[in-house]
Every structure is written in structure tokens, then in C-alpha cells.
Amino acid sequence: MSGSVGIDVSSLVTQAQFERLADSGFKFLIVRAYRSIGQDREASISVCTPTVPLHMYVLLGAVDTNAPTTIRNARAAGMEDIDVYLFPKPSGGDPETQVSETVDYLHSQGAEFGTLWLDVEPGNWSASKEENQKFFMAMYSKATRLGSTGVYTSAANWNAIMGNFSGAMTIPLWYTYFDSNKSFDDFAPFGGWLNPVMKQFTNTQTISGVPVDQNWRP
């Protein structure tokens, strides 16, 4: 099967490690740029009356501070095709802020990237599929104003979190199906998507000392 194979990473990767990964034939990279497990930040919420704020600490998502260094190391090793992904925290912080924080932080660090992929998988989503749909579309609306955007998910995760929602069907789809096959032969339509653009075909493996997932695209 033709096409190219790349990796996605969620940890700091050195230039030397990227050089070994490039020697293994990986052609593109996707780096985690925002994570759902963030830090305690002070937030104001209304209790009893709308005019009496209570200051408390809640666990919010946060930018991944490893991302800019990882991106720079990849470029120094000769990898130029680099995207990022945002693992959101729907239960902590509004969707537009999470997107803008991600993009602004990367730009401020001189970490250039192509597409921002919005991650939809279990973790901190509402029990309400309608609320999840609103959160996702608010993220997408903000992200698409700032650059190229796609969605990362699987059929099982999308259906569990978003239900039969098809409002994202025009967004490029990077889907996951761990069959070790570099093809879309396994793909069955869901969420209105008929044709994906990329497939994550292995779960996390350690290659050249780096935990990676492998991805294929035509």
C-alpha cells in the first residue's frame, strides 16, 4: 500500500531520538500541544446569588510545555511535516480559550505547525451528548478561524461522546483502528464521515526509546 507513515507523541522527544526515528522511515509528526491534566488555577463561580463569587481552585487543562521543544527538535532532525493535537478538558475551561491558549502559546514560542487536530476520546466529557456537541463545535469554530483544523477520534469514541451527531462531517477525519494495516479498508462510515484522511493503526509502542503511535495516510 502506498502512502506515508508518521508518528504522534505526547512526551518530550530529543533531536537525537528524532534522527533515529527519521532513519526508521517516519515522514510526519503530530505533537500533543494541550492536555486535559493541567494545573490548579483560580476560578470564580457563582454560589447562591449571581453577585457573590466564590474563589476556588479547580483542575483545568493546560498547554503542553514540552510541545515547542519537541517541535524544534524534530525540525533540527530534518522532520518538516509537523501537526499538533489538542486533548481538551471539557469539564475545566471554555472551549474557545483552550484553543486560543494552544495556538497562542505555540506561536509565542516560535513552534510552527500545520493542522491543529481536536481530540475526541474519553476523558472529562459531559454525560450529555448535546453539551459535548456544543463544546466540540465551539472548539472547531475558534480553531478554524486560526488555521487548519481536523478531528481525531474513533467510531466507538465518537458515538459514545457525541451520539449520532453529523455536524462535523466536513472536518478532515483522523481516525483510529488498531489493526496494524496501512489502509482504509477497515473504515466504516460514522458521524457523517465517508472518507477519512489519516489512520492511527497501532497503539502506543516504544521505538528508539520514544513512546509513539503510528499513523498512515495515502
N, C-alpha and C. Protein backbone atom coordinates (compact mmCIF):
# COMPACT_ATOMS: atom_id res chain seq x y z
N MET A 1 0.85 -1.19 0.00
CA MET A 1 0.00 0.00 0.00
C MET A 1 0.89 1.24 0.00
N SER A 2 0.61 2.18 -0.91
CA SER A 2 1.40 3.41 -0.97
C SER A 2 0.97 4.33 0.16
N GLY A 3 1.58 5.49 0.20
CA GLY A 3 1.29 6.45 1.24
C GLY A 3 2.50 6.64 2.13
N SER A 4 2.29 7.29 3.27
CA SER A 4 3.40 7.56 4.18
C SER A 4 2.99 7.27 5.61
N VAL A 5 3.99 6.95 6.43
CA VAL A 5 3.77 6.62 7.84
C VAL A 5 4.43 7.66 8.71
N GLY A 6 3.70 8.10 9.73
CA GLY A 6 4.22 9.06 10.68
C GLY A 6 3.90 8.63 12.10
N ILE A 7 4.22 9.49 13.04
CA ILE A 7 4.00 9.17 14.45
C ILE A 7 3.33 10.34 15.15
N ASP A 8 2.66 10.03 16.25
CA ASP A 8 2.24 11.08 17.17
C ASP A 8 2.85 10.80 18.53
N VAL A 9 3.18 11.88 19.25
CA VAL A 9 3.88 11.76 20.53
C VAL A 9 3.23 12.67 21.56
N SER A 10 3.37 12.29 22.83
CA SER A 10 2.80 13.08 23.92
C SER A 10 3.84 13.35 25.01
N SER A 11 5.11 13.18 24.67
CA SER A 11 6.18 13.43 25.63
C SER A 11 7.32 14.19 24.93
N LEU A 12 8.25 14.68 25.71
CA LEU A 12 9.40 15.39 25.16
C LEU A 12 10.28 14.42 24.39
N VAL A 13 10.64 14.81 23.17
CA VAL A 13 11.50 13.98 22.33
C VAL A 13 12.72 14.80 21.92
N THR A 14 13.91 14.20 22.02
CA THR A 14 15.14 14.93 21.72
C THR A 14 15.45 14.90 20.23
N GLN A 15 16.38 15.75 19.82
CA GLN A 15 16.80 15.76 18.43
C GLN A 15 17.41 14.42 18.04
N ALA A 16 18.24 13.86 18.91
CA ALA A 16 18.88 12.57 18.60
C ALA A 16 17.84 11.47 18.42
N GLN A 17 16.80 11.49 19.25
CA GLN A 17 15.74 10.49 19.11
C GLN A 17 15.00 10.67 17.79
N PHE A 18 14.75 11.92 17.41
CA PHE A 18 14.08 12.17 16.12
C PHE A 18 14.95 11.73 14.95
N GLU A 19 16.23 11.89 15.06
CA GLU A 19 17.12 11.45 13.98
C GLU A 19 17.02 9.94 13.79
N ARG A 20 16.93 9.21 14.90
CA ARG A 20 16.78 7.75 14.79
C ARG A 20 15.39 7.39 14.25
N LEU A 21 14.38 8.14 14.66
CA LEU A 21 13.03 7.88 14.15
C LEU A 21 12.95 8.16 12.65
N ALA A 22 13.59 9.25 12.22
CA ALA A 22 13.61 9.56 10.79
C ALA A 22 14.31 8.46 10.01
N ASP A 23 15.37 7.90 10.58
CA ASP A 23 16.07 6.80 9.92
C ASP A 23 15.19 5.57 9.79
N SER A 24 14.17 5.47 10.67
CA SER A 24 13.23 4.34 10.61
C SER A 24 12.17 4.54 9.53
N GLY A 25 12.16 5.70 8.90
CA GLY A 25 11.26 5.93 7.76
C GLY A 25 10.01 6.72 8.06
N PHE A 26 9.90 7.29 9.26
CA PHE A 26 8.71 8.08 9.57
C PHE A 26 8.79 9.44 8.89
N LYS A 27 7.70 9.83 8.24
CA LYS A 27 7.70 11.01 7.38
C LYS A 27 7.01 12.22 7.97
N PHE A 28 6.14 12.03 8.96
CA PHE A 28 5.44 13.18 9.54
C PHE A 28 5.24 12.97 11.03
N LEU A 29 4.88 14.06 11.70
CA LEU A 29 4.82 14.07 13.16
C LEU A 29 3.60 14.84 13.63
N ILE A 30 2.97 14.36 14.70
CA ILE A 30 1.88 15.07 15.35
C ILE A 30 2.19 15.11 16.84
N VAL A 31 2.24 16.31 17.41
CA VAL A 31 2.70 16.53 18.77
C VAL A 31 1.54 16.99 19.65
N ARG A 32 1.43 16.42 20.85
CA ARG A 32 0.42 16.92 21.79
C ARG A 32 0.78 18.33 22.22
N ALA A 33 -0.18 19.25 22.09
CA ALA A 33 0.07 20.66 22.42
C ALA A 33 -0.79 21.16 23.57
N TYR A 34 -1.81 20.40 23.95
CA TYR A 34 -2.69 20.77 25.07
C TYR A 34 -3.12 19.47 25.72
N ARG A 35 -3.16 19.47 27.05
CA ARG A 35 -3.51 18.24 27.75
C ARG A 35 -4.63 18.48 28.75
N SER A 36 -5.40 17.44 28.98
CA SER A 36 -6.55 17.58 29.88
C SER A 36 -6.13 17.59 31.34
N ILE A 37 -4.99 16.99 31.64
CA ILE A 37 -4.48 17.02 33.02
C ILE A 37 -3.54 18.21 33.12
N GLY A 38 -4.06 19.28 33.69
CA GLY A 38 -3.30 20.52 33.69
C GLY A 38 -2.83 20.93 35.05
N GLN A 39 -3.31 22.04 35.52
CA GLN A 39 -2.84 22.59 36.77
C GLN A 39 -4.00 23.25 37.50
N ASP A 40 -3.81 23.45 38.82
CA ASP A 40 -4.81 24.16 39.60
C ASP A 40 -4.74 25.65 39.26
N ARG A 41 -5.87 26.18 38.82
CA ARG A 41 -5.93 27.61 38.54
C ARG A 41 -7.16 28.19 39.21
N GLU A 42 -7.04 29.41 39.71
CA GLU A 42 -8.15 30.01 40.43
C GLU A 42 -9.27 30.37 39.47
N ALA A 43 -10.49 30.05 39.87
CA ALA A 43 -11.66 30.37 39.06
C ALA A 43 -12.74 30.94 39.95
N SER A 44 -13.57 31.81 39.39
CA SER A 44 -14.70 32.37 40.13
C SER A 44 -15.98 31.71 39.67
N ILE A 45 -16.77 31.25 40.63
CA ILE A 45 -18.07 30.68 40.29
C ILE A 45 -19.12 31.36 41.16
N SER A 46 -20.34 31.37 40.68
CA SER A 46 -21.42 31.98 41.44
C SER A 46 -22.07 30.96 42.35
N VAL A 47 -22.23 31.34 43.60
CA VAL A 47 -22.87 30.46 44.58
C VAL A 47 -24.00 31.23 45.25
N CYS A 48 -25.18 30.68 45.28
CA CYS A 48 -26.37 31.24 45.91
C CYS A 48 -26.92 32.43 45.12
N THR A 49 -26.10 33.43 44.87
CA THR A 49 -26.55 34.57 44.09
C THR A 49 -25.53 34.85 43.00
N PRO A 50 -25.96 35.42 41.89
CA PRO A 50 -25.03 35.68 40.80
C PRO A 50 -23.99 36.74 41.14
N THR A 51 -24.17 37.46 42.21
CA THR A 51 -23.28 38.58 42.51
C THR A 51 -22.24 38.28 43.58
N VAL A 52 -22.27 37.05 44.12
CA VAL A 52 -21.33 36.70 45.18
C VAL A 52 -20.39 35.62 44.65
N PRO A 53 -19.20 36.00 44.15
CA PRO A 53 -18.30 35.00 43.60
C PRO A 53 -17.55 34.25 44.70
N LEU A 54 -17.34 32.99 44.50
CA LEU A 54 -16.51 32.19 45.39
C LEU A 54 -15.24 31.84 44.65
N HIS A 55 -14.09 32.22 45.19
CA HIS A 55 -12.83 31.89 44.56
C HIS A 55 -12.39 30.52 45.03
N MET A 56 -12.13 29.65 44.10
CA MET A 56 -11.71 28.30 44.45
C MET A 56 -10.72 27.82 43.39
N TYR A 57 -10.01 26.77 43.71
CA TYR A 57 -9.09 26.19 42.75
C TYR A 57 -9.72 24.96 42.12
N VAL A 58 -9.69 24.93 40.80
CA VAL A 58 -10.25 23.80 40.06
C VAL A 58 -9.17 23.32 39.09
N LEU A 59 -9.23 22.04 38.77
CA LEU A 59 -8.25 21.47 37.87
C LEU A 59 -8.67 21.72 36.43
N LEU A 60 -7.87 22.53 35.74
CA LEU A 60 -8.14 22.87 34.35
C LEU A 60 -7.12 22.19 33.45
N GLY A 61 -7.41 22.16 32.16
CA GLY A 61 -6.42 21.71 31.21
C GLY A 61 -5.33 22.76 31.06
N ALA A 62 -4.28 22.42 30.33
CA ALA A 62 -3.17 23.36 30.16
C ALA A 62 -2.39 23.03 28.90
N VAL A 63 -1.72 24.04 28.36
CA VAL A 63 -0.83 23.79 27.24
C VAL A 63 0.24 22.81 27.66
N ASP A 64 0.71 22.03 26.72
CA ASP A 64 1.80 21.08 26.99
C ASP A 64 3.11 21.81 26.73
N THR A 65 3.83 22.12 27.79
CA THR A 65 5.05 22.93 27.65
C THR A 65 6.19 22.18 26.98
N ASN A 66 6.04 20.87 26.79
CA ASN A 66 7.05 20.11 26.04
C ASN A 66 6.92 20.31 24.53
N ALA A 67 5.74 20.74 24.08
CA ALA A 67 5.47 20.76 22.65
C ALA A 67 6.43 21.63 21.85
N PRO A 68 6.69 22.90 22.24
CA PRO A 68 7.59 23.71 21.42
C PRO A 68 8.99 23.12 21.27
N THR A 69 9.54 22.60 22.36
CA THR A 69 10.88 22.00 22.29
C THR A 69 10.87 20.76 21.41
N THR A 70 9.83 19.94 21.56
CA THR A 70 9.72 18.75 20.71
C THR A 70 9.64 19.13 19.24
N ILE A 71 8.86 20.15 18.92
CA ILE A 71 8.74 20.59 17.53
C ILE A 71 10.08 21.10 17.00
N ARG A 72 10.77 21.90 17.80
CA ARG A 72 12.08 22.41 17.36
C ARG A 72 13.08 21.28 17.17
N ASN A 73 13.06 20.31 18.07
CA ASN A 73 13.97 19.18 17.94
C ASN A 73 13.69 18.37 16.68
N ALA A 74 12.40 18.21 16.37
CA ALA A 74 12.03 17.48 15.15
C ALA A 74 12.53 18.20 13.91
N ARG A 75 12.37 19.50 13.87
CA ARG A 75 12.84 20.26 12.70
C ARG A 75 14.36 20.20 12.59
N ALA A 76 15.04 20.26 13.72
CA ALA A 76 16.50 20.18 13.69
C ALA A 76 16.97 18.83 13.17
N ALA A 77 16.14 17.80 13.36
CA ALA A 77 16.47 16.46 12.88
C ALA A 77 16.03 16.24 11.43
N GLY A 78 15.42 17.26 10.81
CA GLY A 78 15.03 17.18 9.41
C GLY A 78 13.59 16.82 9.16
N MET A 79 12.77 16.74 10.22
CA MET A 79 11.34 16.47 10.03
C MET A 79 10.60 17.79 9.88
N GLU A 80 9.97 18.01 8.73
CA GLU A 80 9.33 19.29 8.43
C GLU A 80 7.81 19.24 8.45
N ASP A 81 7.24 18.05 8.31
CA ASP A 81 5.78 17.89 8.23
C ASP A 81 5.25 17.65 9.64
N ILE A 82 4.84 18.73 10.32
CA ILE A 82 4.51 18.64 11.74
C ILE A 82 3.14 19.27 12.01
N ASP A 83 2.26 18.49 12.62
CA ASP A 83 0.98 18.96 13.11
C ASP A 83 0.98 18.89 14.64
N VAL A 84 -0.10 19.35 15.25
CA VAL A 84 -0.26 19.22 16.70
C VAL A 84 -1.69 18.76 17.00
N TYR A 85 -1.87 18.22 18.21
CA TYR A 85 -3.23 17.88 18.63
C TYR A 85 -3.54 18.45 20.00
N LEU A 86 -4.82 18.72 20.20
CA LEU A 86 -5.33 19.33 21.43
C LEU A 86 -6.22 18.31 22.13
N PHE A 87 -5.78 17.86 23.32
CA PHE A 87 -6.59 16.97 24.15
C PHE A 87 -7.34 17.86 25.14
N PRO A 88 -8.62 18.13 24.90
CA PRO A 88 -9.33 19.16 25.66
C PRO A 88 -9.74 18.72 27.06
N LYS A 89 -10.16 19.69 27.83
CA LYS A 89 -10.71 19.44 29.17
C LYS A 89 -12.11 20.06 29.20
N PRO A 90 -13.12 19.35 28.68
CA PRO A 90 -14.47 19.93 28.64
C PRO A 90 -15.01 20.33 30.01
N SER A 91 -14.57 19.65 31.05
CA SER A 91 -15.08 19.96 32.39
C SER A 91 -14.29 21.06 33.08
N GLY A 92 -13.30 21.62 32.40
CA GLY A 92 -12.49 22.66 33.03
C GLY A 92 -12.03 23.69 32.02
N GLY A 93 -12.72 24.80 31.93
CA GLY A 93 -12.34 25.84 30.98
C GLY A 93 -13.20 25.81 29.74
N ASP A 94 -13.39 26.98 29.14
CA ASP A 94 -14.27 27.03 27.97
C ASP A 94 -13.51 26.61 26.71
N PRO A 95 -14.22 26.15 25.70
CA PRO A 95 -13.59 25.57 24.52
C PRO A 95 -12.75 26.56 23.72
N GLU A 96 -13.25 27.77 23.54
CA GLU A 96 -12.50 28.74 22.73
C GLU A 96 -11.18 29.12 23.41
N THR A 97 -11.20 29.25 24.73
CA THR A 97 -9.98 29.59 25.45
C THR A 97 -8.95 28.48 25.32
N GLN A 98 -9.37 27.24 25.39
CA GLN A 98 -8.42 26.14 25.26
C GLN A 98 -7.75 26.15 23.89
N VAL A 99 -8.51 26.46 22.86
CA VAL A 99 -7.93 26.53 21.51
C VAL A 99 -6.97 27.73 21.40
N SER A 100 -7.43 28.89 21.83
CA SER A 100 -6.59 30.08 21.67
C SER A 100 -5.33 29.98 22.52
N GLU A 101 -5.42 29.42 23.72
CA GLU A 101 -4.23 29.22 24.55
C GLU A 101 -3.21 28.33 23.82
N THR A 102 -3.70 27.28 23.20
CA THR A 102 -2.81 26.36 22.49
C THR A 102 -2.09 27.05 21.34
N VAL A 103 -2.86 27.70 20.48
CA VAL A 103 -2.28 28.32 19.29
C VAL A 103 -1.38 29.50 19.68
N ASP A 104 -1.84 30.33 20.60
CA ASP A 104 -1.04 31.49 21.01
C ASP A 104 0.28 31.06 21.65
N TYR A 105 0.22 30.02 22.47
CA TYR A 105 1.45 29.57 23.13
C TYR A 105 2.46 29.05 22.11
N LEU A 106 2.02 28.24 21.18
CA LEU A 106 2.94 27.71 20.17
C LEU A 106 3.55 28.84 19.34
N HIS A 107 2.72 29.79 18.94
CA HIS A 107 3.23 30.91 18.15
C HIS A 107 4.22 31.74 18.96
N SER A 108 3.93 31.93 20.24
CA SER A 108 4.83 32.74 21.07
C SER A 108 6.19 32.07 21.25
N GLN A 109 6.22 30.75 21.11
CA GLN A 109 7.47 30.00 21.26
C GLN A 109 8.15 29.72 19.92
N GLY A 110 7.57 30.26 18.84
CA GLY A 110 8.15 30.04 17.53
C GLY A 110 8.03 28.61 17.04
N ALA A 111 7.03 27.89 17.54
CA ALA A 111 6.82 26.49 17.16
C ALA A 111 5.75 26.43 16.09
N GLU A 112 6.17 26.42 14.85
CA GLU A 112 5.23 26.43 13.73
C GLU A 112 4.69 25.02 13.47
N PHE A 113 3.43 24.96 13.06
CA PHE A 113 2.78 23.68 12.82
C PHE A 113 1.78 23.83 11.69
N GLY A 114 1.29 22.70 11.19
CA GLY A 114 0.31 22.71 10.11
C GLY A 114 -1.10 22.69 10.63
N THR A 115 -1.64 21.49 10.84
CA THR A 115 -3.02 21.33 11.28
C THR A 115 -3.11 21.15 12.78
N LEU A 116 -4.14 21.74 13.38
CA LEU A 116 -4.49 21.50 14.78
C LEU A 116 -5.60 20.46 14.81
N TRP A 117 -5.31 19.28 15.36
CA TRP A 117 -6.29 18.20 15.45
C TRP A 117 -6.98 18.24 16.81
N LEU A 118 -8.30 18.20 16.82
CA LEU A 118 -9.09 18.23 18.04
C LEU A 118 -9.42 16.80 18.44
N ASP A 119 -8.98 16.43 19.63
CA ASP A 119 -9.05 15.04 20.10
C ASP A 119 -10.39 14.78 20.79
N VAL A 120 -11.12 13.78 20.28
CA VAL A 120 -12.38 13.37 20.91
C VAL A 120 -12.24 11.91 21.33
N GLU A 121 -11.93 11.72 22.59
CA GLU A 121 -11.84 10.39 23.19
C GLU A 121 -12.20 10.52 24.66
N PRO A 122 -12.45 9.41 25.35
CA PRO A 122 -12.93 9.51 26.73
C PRO A 122 -12.02 10.33 27.63
N GLY A 123 -12.67 11.07 28.54
CA GLY A 123 -11.94 11.88 29.50
C GLY A 123 -12.58 13.23 29.71
N ASN A 124 -13.32 13.38 30.79
CA ASN A 124 -13.85 14.67 31.23
C ASN A 124 -14.99 15.23 30.38
N TRP A 125 -15.56 14.42 29.48
CA TRP A 125 -16.71 14.89 28.70
C TRP A 125 -17.97 14.79 29.55
N SER A 126 -18.97 15.55 29.16
CA SER A 126 -20.25 15.55 29.87
C SER A 126 -21.02 14.26 29.59
N ALA A 127 -21.93 13.93 30.48
CA ALA A 127 -22.84 12.82 30.23
C ALA A 127 -23.87 13.19 29.17
N SER A 128 -23.98 14.50 28.89
CA SER A 128 -24.92 15.00 27.89
C SER A 128 -24.25 15.08 26.53
N LYS A 129 -24.71 14.31 25.58
CA LYS A 129 -24.15 14.36 24.23
C LYS A 129 -24.40 15.72 23.59
N GLU A 130 -25.52 16.34 23.89
CA GLU A 130 -25.80 17.66 23.34
C GLU A 130 -24.79 18.69 23.83
N GLU A 131 -24.44 18.64 25.12
CA GLU A 131 -23.43 19.55 25.64
C GLU A 131 -22.07 19.28 25.01
N ASN A 132 -21.75 18.02 24.78
CA ASN A 132 -20.49 17.68 24.15
C ASN A 132 -20.42 18.20 22.72
N GLN A 133 -21.54 18.10 22.01
CA GLN A 133 -21.59 18.61 20.64
C GLN A 133 -21.35 20.11 20.61
N LYS A 134 -21.97 20.83 21.54
CA LYS A 134 -21.79 22.28 21.61
C LYS A 134 -20.34 22.64 21.92
N PHE A 135 -19.74 21.91 22.86
CA PHE A 135 -18.36 22.17 23.24
C PHE A 135 -17.43 21.93 22.04
N PHE A 136 -17.62 20.81 21.37
CA PHE A 136 -16.76 20.50 20.23
C PHE A 136 -16.88 21.54 19.13
N MET A 137 -18.11 21.91 18.78
CA MET A 137 -18.29 22.85 17.68
C MET A 137 -17.77 24.24 18.04
N ALA A 138 -17.82 24.59 19.33
CA ALA A 138 -17.21 25.86 19.74
C ALA A 138 -15.70 25.81 19.59
N MET A 139 -15.11 24.67 19.94
CA MET A 139 -13.66 24.49 19.71
C MET A 139 -13.34 24.62 18.23
N TYR A 140 -14.10 23.92 17.42
CA TYR A 140 -13.84 23.93 15.98
C TYR A 140 -14.02 25.32 15.39
N SER A 141 -15.08 26.01 15.80
CA SER A 141 -15.32 27.35 15.28
C SER A 141 -14.13 28.27 15.55
N LYS A 142 -13.58 28.19 16.75
CA LYS A 142 -12.41 29.00 17.09
C LYS A 142 -11.18 28.53 16.33
N ALA A 143 -10.96 27.23 16.29
CA ALA A 143 -9.75 26.70 15.66
C ALA A 143 -9.70 27.01 14.17
N THR A 144 -10.84 26.91 13.51
CA THR A 144 -10.83 27.12 12.06
C THR A 144 -10.59 28.58 11.71
N ARG A 145 -10.87 29.49 12.64
CA ARG A 145 -10.54 30.89 12.41
C ARG A 145 -9.05 31.16 12.56
N LEU A 146 -8.36 30.22 13.20
CA LEU A 146 -6.94 30.42 13.46
C LEU A 146 -6.03 29.61 12.54
N GLY A 147 -6.61 28.70 11.77
CA GLY A 147 -5.78 27.89 10.89
C GLY A 147 -6.44 26.59 10.49
N SER A 148 -5.64 25.68 9.96
CA SER A 148 -6.13 24.38 9.51
C SER A 148 -6.51 23.52 10.70
N THR A 149 -7.66 22.82 10.58
CA THR A 149 -8.20 22.07 11.71
C THR A 149 -8.74 20.71 11.26
N GLY A 150 -8.59 19.70 12.12
CA GLY A 150 -9.16 18.39 11.87
C GLY A 150 -9.64 17.79 13.18
N VAL A 151 -10.19 16.57 13.11
CA VAL A 151 -10.66 15.88 14.31
C VAL A 151 -10.03 14.50 14.38
N TYR A 152 -9.61 14.13 15.58
CA TYR A 152 -9.08 12.80 15.86
C TYR A 152 -10.08 12.06 16.74
N THR A 153 -10.51 10.88 16.30
CA THR A 153 -11.45 10.09 17.09
C THR A 153 -11.57 8.70 16.48
N SER A 154 -12.37 7.86 17.12
CA SER A 154 -12.74 6.55 16.57
C SER A 154 -14.26 6.49 16.51
N ALA A 155 -14.76 5.52 15.79
CA ALA A 155 -16.21 5.35 15.71
C ALA A 155 -16.80 5.13 17.10
N ALA A 156 -16.17 4.27 17.89
CA ALA A 156 -16.70 3.97 19.22
C ALA A 156 -16.67 5.19 20.11
N ASN A 157 -15.57 5.94 20.08
CA ASN A 157 -15.47 7.12 20.94
C ASN A 157 -16.44 8.22 20.50
N TRP A 158 -16.52 8.44 19.20
CA TRP A 158 -17.42 9.48 18.71
C TRP A 158 -18.87 9.17 19.08
N ASN A 159 -19.27 7.94 18.86
CA ASN A 159 -20.66 7.57 19.15
C ASN A 159 -20.96 7.66 20.64
N ALA A 160 -19.99 7.28 21.47
CA ALA A 160 -20.21 7.33 22.91
C ALA A 160 -20.28 8.76 23.44
N ILE A 161 -19.50 9.65 22.86
CA ILE A 161 -19.41 11.03 23.36
C ILE A 161 -20.36 11.97 22.64
N MET A 162 -20.50 11.82 21.34
CA MET A 162 -21.29 12.74 20.52
C MET A 162 -22.60 12.16 20.03
N GLY A 163 -22.80 10.86 20.18
CA GLY A 163 -24.01 10.25 19.66
C GLY A 163 -23.99 10.17 18.14
N ASN A 164 -25.13 10.36 17.52
CA ASN A 164 -25.21 10.26 16.06
C ASN A 164 -24.99 11.62 15.39
N PHE A 165 -24.34 12.53 16.08
CA PHE A 165 -24.08 13.89 15.59
C PHE A 165 -23.26 13.85 14.30
N SER A 166 -23.74 14.54 13.27
CA SER A 166 -23.03 14.60 11.99
C SER A 166 -22.64 16.03 11.61
N GLY A 167 -22.71 16.93 12.58
CA GLY A 167 -22.40 18.33 12.29
C GLY A 167 -20.95 18.61 12.02
N ALA A 168 -20.08 17.60 12.23
CA ALA A 168 -18.65 17.79 11.98
C ALA A 168 -18.18 17.07 10.73
N MET A 169 -19.09 16.59 9.92
CA MET A 169 -18.75 15.70 8.81
C MET A 169 -17.88 16.35 7.74
N THR A 170 -17.82 17.67 7.69
CA THR A 170 -16.97 18.33 6.69
C THR A 170 -15.55 18.56 7.19
N ILE A 171 -15.29 18.23 8.45
CA ILE A 171 -13.96 18.42 9.04
C ILE A 171 -13.09 17.21 8.71
N PRO A 172 -11.84 17.40 8.28
CA PRO A 172 -10.98 16.25 8.00
C PRO A 172 -10.89 15.30 9.19
N LEU A 173 -10.98 14.01 8.92
CA LEU A 173 -11.02 12.99 9.97
C LEU A 173 -9.73 12.18 10.00
N TRP A 174 -9.11 12.15 11.17
CA TRP A 174 -8.02 11.23 11.51
C TRP A 174 -8.63 10.24 12.49
N TYR A 175 -8.76 9.00 12.07
CA TYR A 175 -9.46 8.02 12.92
C TYR A 175 -8.48 6.95 13.40
N THR A 176 -8.91 6.23 14.41
CA THR A 176 -8.07 5.19 14.99
C THR A 176 -8.72 3.82 14.85
N TYR A 177 -7.90 2.87 14.41
CA TYR A 177 -8.33 1.47 14.34
C TYR A 177 -7.06 0.63 14.36
N PHE A 178 -6.84 -0.07 15.47
CA PHE A 178 -5.56 -0.73 15.71
C PHE A 178 -5.52 -2.13 15.08
N ASP A 179 -5.32 -2.17 13.77
CA ASP A 179 -5.22 -3.44 13.07
C ASP A 179 -3.87 -3.63 12.38
N SER A 180 -2.97 -2.67 12.59
CA SER A 180 -1.61 -2.72 12.01
C SER A 180 -1.60 -2.67 10.49
N ASN A 181 -2.72 -2.32 9.88
CA ASN A 181 -2.81 -2.25 8.42
C ASN A 181 -2.76 -0.81 7.94
N LYS A 182 -1.90 -0.56 6.97
CA LYS A 182 -1.75 0.78 6.41
C LYS A 182 -2.71 0.95 5.24
N SER A 183 -4.00 1.04 5.58
CA SER A 183 -5.03 1.24 4.57
C SER A 183 -6.30 1.69 5.27
N PHE A 184 -7.27 2.13 4.46
CA PHE A 184 -8.59 2.49 4.98
C PHE A 184 -9.60 1.37 4.73
N ASP A 185 -9.13 0.18 4.43
CA ASP A 185 -10.04 -0.91 4.08
C ASP A 185 -11.02 -1.24 5.20
N ASP A 186 -10.63 -0.99 6.44
CA ASP A 186 -11.47 -1.29 7.59
C ASP A 186 -12.53 -0.23 7.86
N PHE A 187 -12.39 0.93 7.23
CA PHE A 187 -13.21 2.08 7.62
C PHE A 187 -14.69 1.87 7.29
N ALA A 188 -15.54 2.13 8.30
CA ALA A 188 -16.99 2.13 8.13
C ALA A 188 -17.50 3.51 8.50
N PRO A 189 -18.34 4.12 7.67
CA PRO A 189 -18.80 5.49 7.94
C PRO A 189 -19.41 5.65 9.33
N PHE A 190 -19.14 6.80 9.92
CA PHE A 190 -19.77 7.19 11.20
C PHE A 190 -19.73 8.70 11.28
N GLY A 191 -20.62 9.27 12.07
CA GLY A 191 -20.64 10.71 12.28
C GLY A 191 -20.82 11.53 11.01
N GLY A 192 -21.28 10.91 9.96
CA GLY A 192 -21.42 11.58 8.68
C GLY A 192 -20.19 11.49 7.80
N TRP A 193 -19.06 11.02 8.34
CA TRP A 193 -17.84 10.90 7.55
C TRP A 193 -17.90 9.69 6.64
N LEU A 194 -17.53 9.90 5.40
CA LEU A 194 -17.45 8.82 4.42
C LEU A 194 -16.02 8.49 4.05
N ASN A 195 -15.14 9.49 4.16
CA ASN A 195 -13.75 9.32 3.74
C ASN A 195 -12.80 9.98 4.73
N PRO A 196 -12.01 9.19 5.46
CA PRO A 196 -11.02 9.77 6.36
C PRO A 196 -9.80 10.25 5.58
N VAL A 197 -8.94 10.99 6.25
CA VAL A 197 -7.70 11.45 5.61
C VAL A 197 -6.47 10.81 6.24
N MET A 198 -6.63 10.21 7.43
CA MET A 198 -5.48 9.60 8.12
C MET A 198 -5.98 8.57 9.11
N LYS A 199 -5.13 7.56 9.37
CA LYS A 199 -5.50 6.47 10.27
C LYS A 199 -4.37 6.21 11.26
N GLN A 200 -4.72 6.14 12.54
CA GLN A 200 -3.80 5.66 13.56
C GLN A 200 -3.98 4.15 13.62
N PHE A 201 -2.95 3.41 13.20
CA PHE A 201 -3.13 1.97 13.03
C PHE A 201 -2.43 1.11 14.08
N THR A 202 -1.67 1.73 15.00
CA THR A 202 -1.11 0.99 16.13
C THR A 202 -1.34 1.77 17.41
N ASN A 203 -1.48 1.04 18.50
CA ASN A 203 -1.49 1.64 19.82
C ASN A 203 -0.05 1.98 20.20
N THR A 204 0.14 2.57 21.37
CA THR A 204 1.45 3.07 21.75
C THR A 204 2.50 1.96 21.79
N GLN A 205 3.62 2.22 21.11
CA GLN A 205 4.78 1.35 21.11
C GLN A 205 6.00 2.20 21.41
N THR A 206 7.05 1.58 21.89
CA THR A 206 8.30 2.30 22.12
C THR A 206 9.26 2.00 20.98
N ILE A 207 9.63 3.05 20.25
CA ILE A 207 10.56 2.93 19.12
C ILE A 207 11.69 3.93 19.33
N SER A 208 12.91 3.46 19.27
CA SER A 208 14.08 4.31 19.51
C SER A 208 13.98 5.03 20.86
N GLY A 209 13.39 4.35 21.83
CA GLY A 209 13.26 4.91 23.17
C GLY A 209 12.13 5.90 23.34
N VAL A 210 11.27 6.04 22.34
CA VAL A 210 10.19 7.03 22.38
C VAL A 210 8.83 6.34 22.30
N PRO A 211 7.92 6.62 23.24
CA PRO A 211 6.55 6.09 23.11
C PRO A 211 5.83 6.80 21.95
N VAL A 212 5.40 6.06 20.96
CA VAL A 212 4.76 6.64 19.78
C VAL A 212 3.55 5.81 19.38
N ASP A 213 2.61 6.47 18.70
CA ASP A 213 1.57 5.78 17.96
C ASP A 213 1.92 5.95 16.48
N GLN A 214 1.64 4.94 15.68
CA GLN A 214 1.94 5.04 14.25
C GLN A 214 0.67 5.38 13.47
N ASN A 215 0.84 6.20 12.45
CA ASN A 215 -0.26 6.69 11.63
C ASN A 215 0.08 6.56 10.15
N TRP A 216 -0.97 6.33 9.36
CA TRP A 216 -0.78 6.19 7.90
C TRP A 216 -1.74 7.14 7.20
N ARG A 217 -1.27 7.69 6.07
CA ARG A 217 -2.14 8.49 5.21
C ARG A 217 -1.75 8.22 3.76
N PRO A 218 -2.70 8.28 2.86
CA PRO A 218 -2.41 8.00 1.45
C PRO A 218 -1.42 8.97 0.84
